[in-house]
Amino acid sequence: MKTKKEEIGRRVKILREKMQLNQKQFAELIGMKTQYLSNVEKGLNGITIDKLIKICNITGTSSDYIIFGTDNISSHQIHENIAKYSSDQISLAFELVKDIVLLFK
């Protein structure tokens, strides 16, 4: 079974390759040494939050994908799903979410 670092490294490598960049080019874009990026991709090193944010911004992906492997839903998809409901239903759902948030405070 792969470690979390290995899973994250594999996804970082996939994103880099989708951009058709070599490790040196990608490392320069995110402000990381090439050897460190290589170790991240191998699952030997982790990445900082700052580097994670840079990778997300550069690749146009979410941190959810890099960390957990889940695809993010675009705002367009969210809007399409919400548009299916009446304003009363949306208001009710919003109130329910607010109440749930209060339960966890």
Protein backbone atom coordinates (compact mmCIF):
# COMPACT_ATOMS: atom_id res chain seq x y z
CA MET A 1 0.00 0.00 0.00
CA LYS A 2 1.32 3.43 -0.94
CA THR A 3 1.99 6.10 1.65
CA LYS A 4 0.25 9.47 1.53
CA LYS A 5 3.51 11.08 0.38
CA GLU A 6 3.78 8.57 -2.48
CA GLU A 7 0.18 9.22 -3.54
CA ILE A 8 0.70 12.99 -3.47
CA GLY A 9 3.99 12.64 -5.36
CA ARG A 10 2.34 10.53 -8.05
CA ARG A 11 -0.38 13.16 -8.55
CA VAL A 12 2.17 16.00 -8.66
CA LYS A 13 4.06 14.08 -11.35
CA ILE A 14 0.85 13.50 -13.33
CA LEU A 15 0.06 17.23 -13.23
CA ARG A 16 3.61 18.15 -14.27
CA GLU A 17 3.52 15.71 -17.18
CA LYS A 18 0.11 17.02 -18.30
CA MET A 19 1.76 20.42 -18.59
CA GLN A 20 4.52 18.78 -20.66
CA LEU A 21 7.23 20.12 -18.35
CA ASN A 22 10.36 18.38 -17.18
CA GLN A 23 11.25 18.37 -13.50
CA LYS A 24 13.66 21.29 -13.83
CA GLN A 25 11.08 23.50 -15.54
CA PHE A 26 8.32 22.63 -13.09
CA ALA A 27 10.61 23.04 -10.07
CA GLU A 28 11.57 26.53 -11.26
CA LEU A 29 7.89 27.49 -11.65
CA ILE A 30 7.04 26.49 -8.09
CA GLY A 31 10.30 27.71 -6.54
CA MET A 32 11.68 24.33 -5.61
CA LYS A 33 15.00 22.61 -6.26
CA THR A 34 14.85 19.93 -8.95
CA GLN A 35 16.16 17.22 -6.63
CA TYR A 36 13.54 18.09 -4.02
CA LEU A 37 10.77 17.86 -6.64
CA SER A 38 12.16 14.51 -7.74
CA ASN A 39 11.97 13.29 -4.15
CA VAL A 40 8.41 14.62 -3.81
CA GLU A 41 7.38 12.71 -6.93
CA LYS A 42 8.99 9.55 -5.50
CA GLY A 43 7.17 10.03 -2.20
CA LEU A 44 10.37 10.62 -0.24
CA ASN A 45 9.67 14.27 0.63
CA GLY A 46 6.47 16.09 1.48
CA ILE A 47 5.51 19.53 0.25
CA THR A 48 4.78 22.69 2.18
CA ILE A 49 1.43 24.46 2.06
CA ASP A 50 3.06 27.31 0.11
CA LYS A 51 4.33 24.91 -2.56
CA LEU A 52 0.98 23.11 -2.65
CA ILE A 53 -0.78 26.41 -3.31
CA LYS A 54 1.70 27.26 -6.07
CA ILE A 55 1.18 23.86 -7.70
CA CYS A 56 -2.60 24.33 -7.52
CA ASN A 57 -2.40 27.80 -9.05
CA ILE A 58 0.00 26.79 -11.81
CA THR A 59 -1.84 23.61 -12.77
CA GLY A 60 -5.37 24.92 -12.23
CA THR A 61 -6.27 22.05 -9.94
CA SER A 62 -7.52 21.82 -6.39
CA SER A 63 -5.59 20.85 -3.30
CA ASP A 64 -8.27 18.18 -2.78
CA TYR A 65 -7.04 16.40 -5.90
CA ILE A 66 -3.37 16.60 -4.92
CA ILE A 67 -3.90 15.54 -1.31
CA PHE A 68 -6.86 13.18 -1.52
CA GLY A 69 -7.08 12.25 -5.18
CA THR A 70 -10.63 13.56 -5.51
CA ASP A 71 -11.70 15.69 -8.41
CA ASN A 72 -12.96 19.10 -7.54
CA ILE A 73 -16.32 20.35 -8.75
CA SER A 74 -16.10 23.53 -10.76
CA SER A 75 -18.18 26.56 -9.86
CA HIS A 76 -19.96 26.10 -13.18
CA GLN A 77 -21.02 22.58 -12.20
CA ILE A 78 -22.20 23.84 -8.81
CA HIS A 79 -24.23 26.58 -10.48
CA GLU A 80 -25.81 24.08 -12.90
CA ASN A 81 -26.84 21.84 -10.00
CA ILE A 82 -28.22 24.68 -7.90
CA ALA A 83 -30.19 26.06 -10.87
CA LYS A 84 -32.36 22.94 -10.76
CA TYR A 85 -33.95 24.09 -7.50
CA SER A 86 -36.36 26.89 -6.59
CA SER A 87 -35.22 29.87 -4.55
CA ASP A 88 -37.27 28.54 -1.60
CA GLN A 89 -35.46 25.20 -1.75
CA ILE A 90 -32.07 26.93 -1.97
CA SER A 91 -32.93 29.16 1.02
CA LEU A 92 -34.00 26.15 3.05
CA ALA A 93 -30.80 24.28 2.18
CA PHE A 94 -28.73 27.33 3.12
CA GLU A 95 -30.46 27.57 6.50
CA LEU A 96 -29.85 23.87 7.12
CA VAL A 97 -26.16 24.23 6.34
CA LYS A 98 -25.90 27.21 8.72
CA ASP A 99 -27.56 25.15 11.48
CA ILE A 100 -25.19 22.23 10.87
CA VAL A 101 -22.17 24.56 11.07
CA LEU A 102 -23.46 25.91 14.38
CA LEU A 103 -23.65 22.36 15.75
CA PHE A 104 -19.93 21.90 15.17
CA LYS A 105 -18.85 25.15 16.85
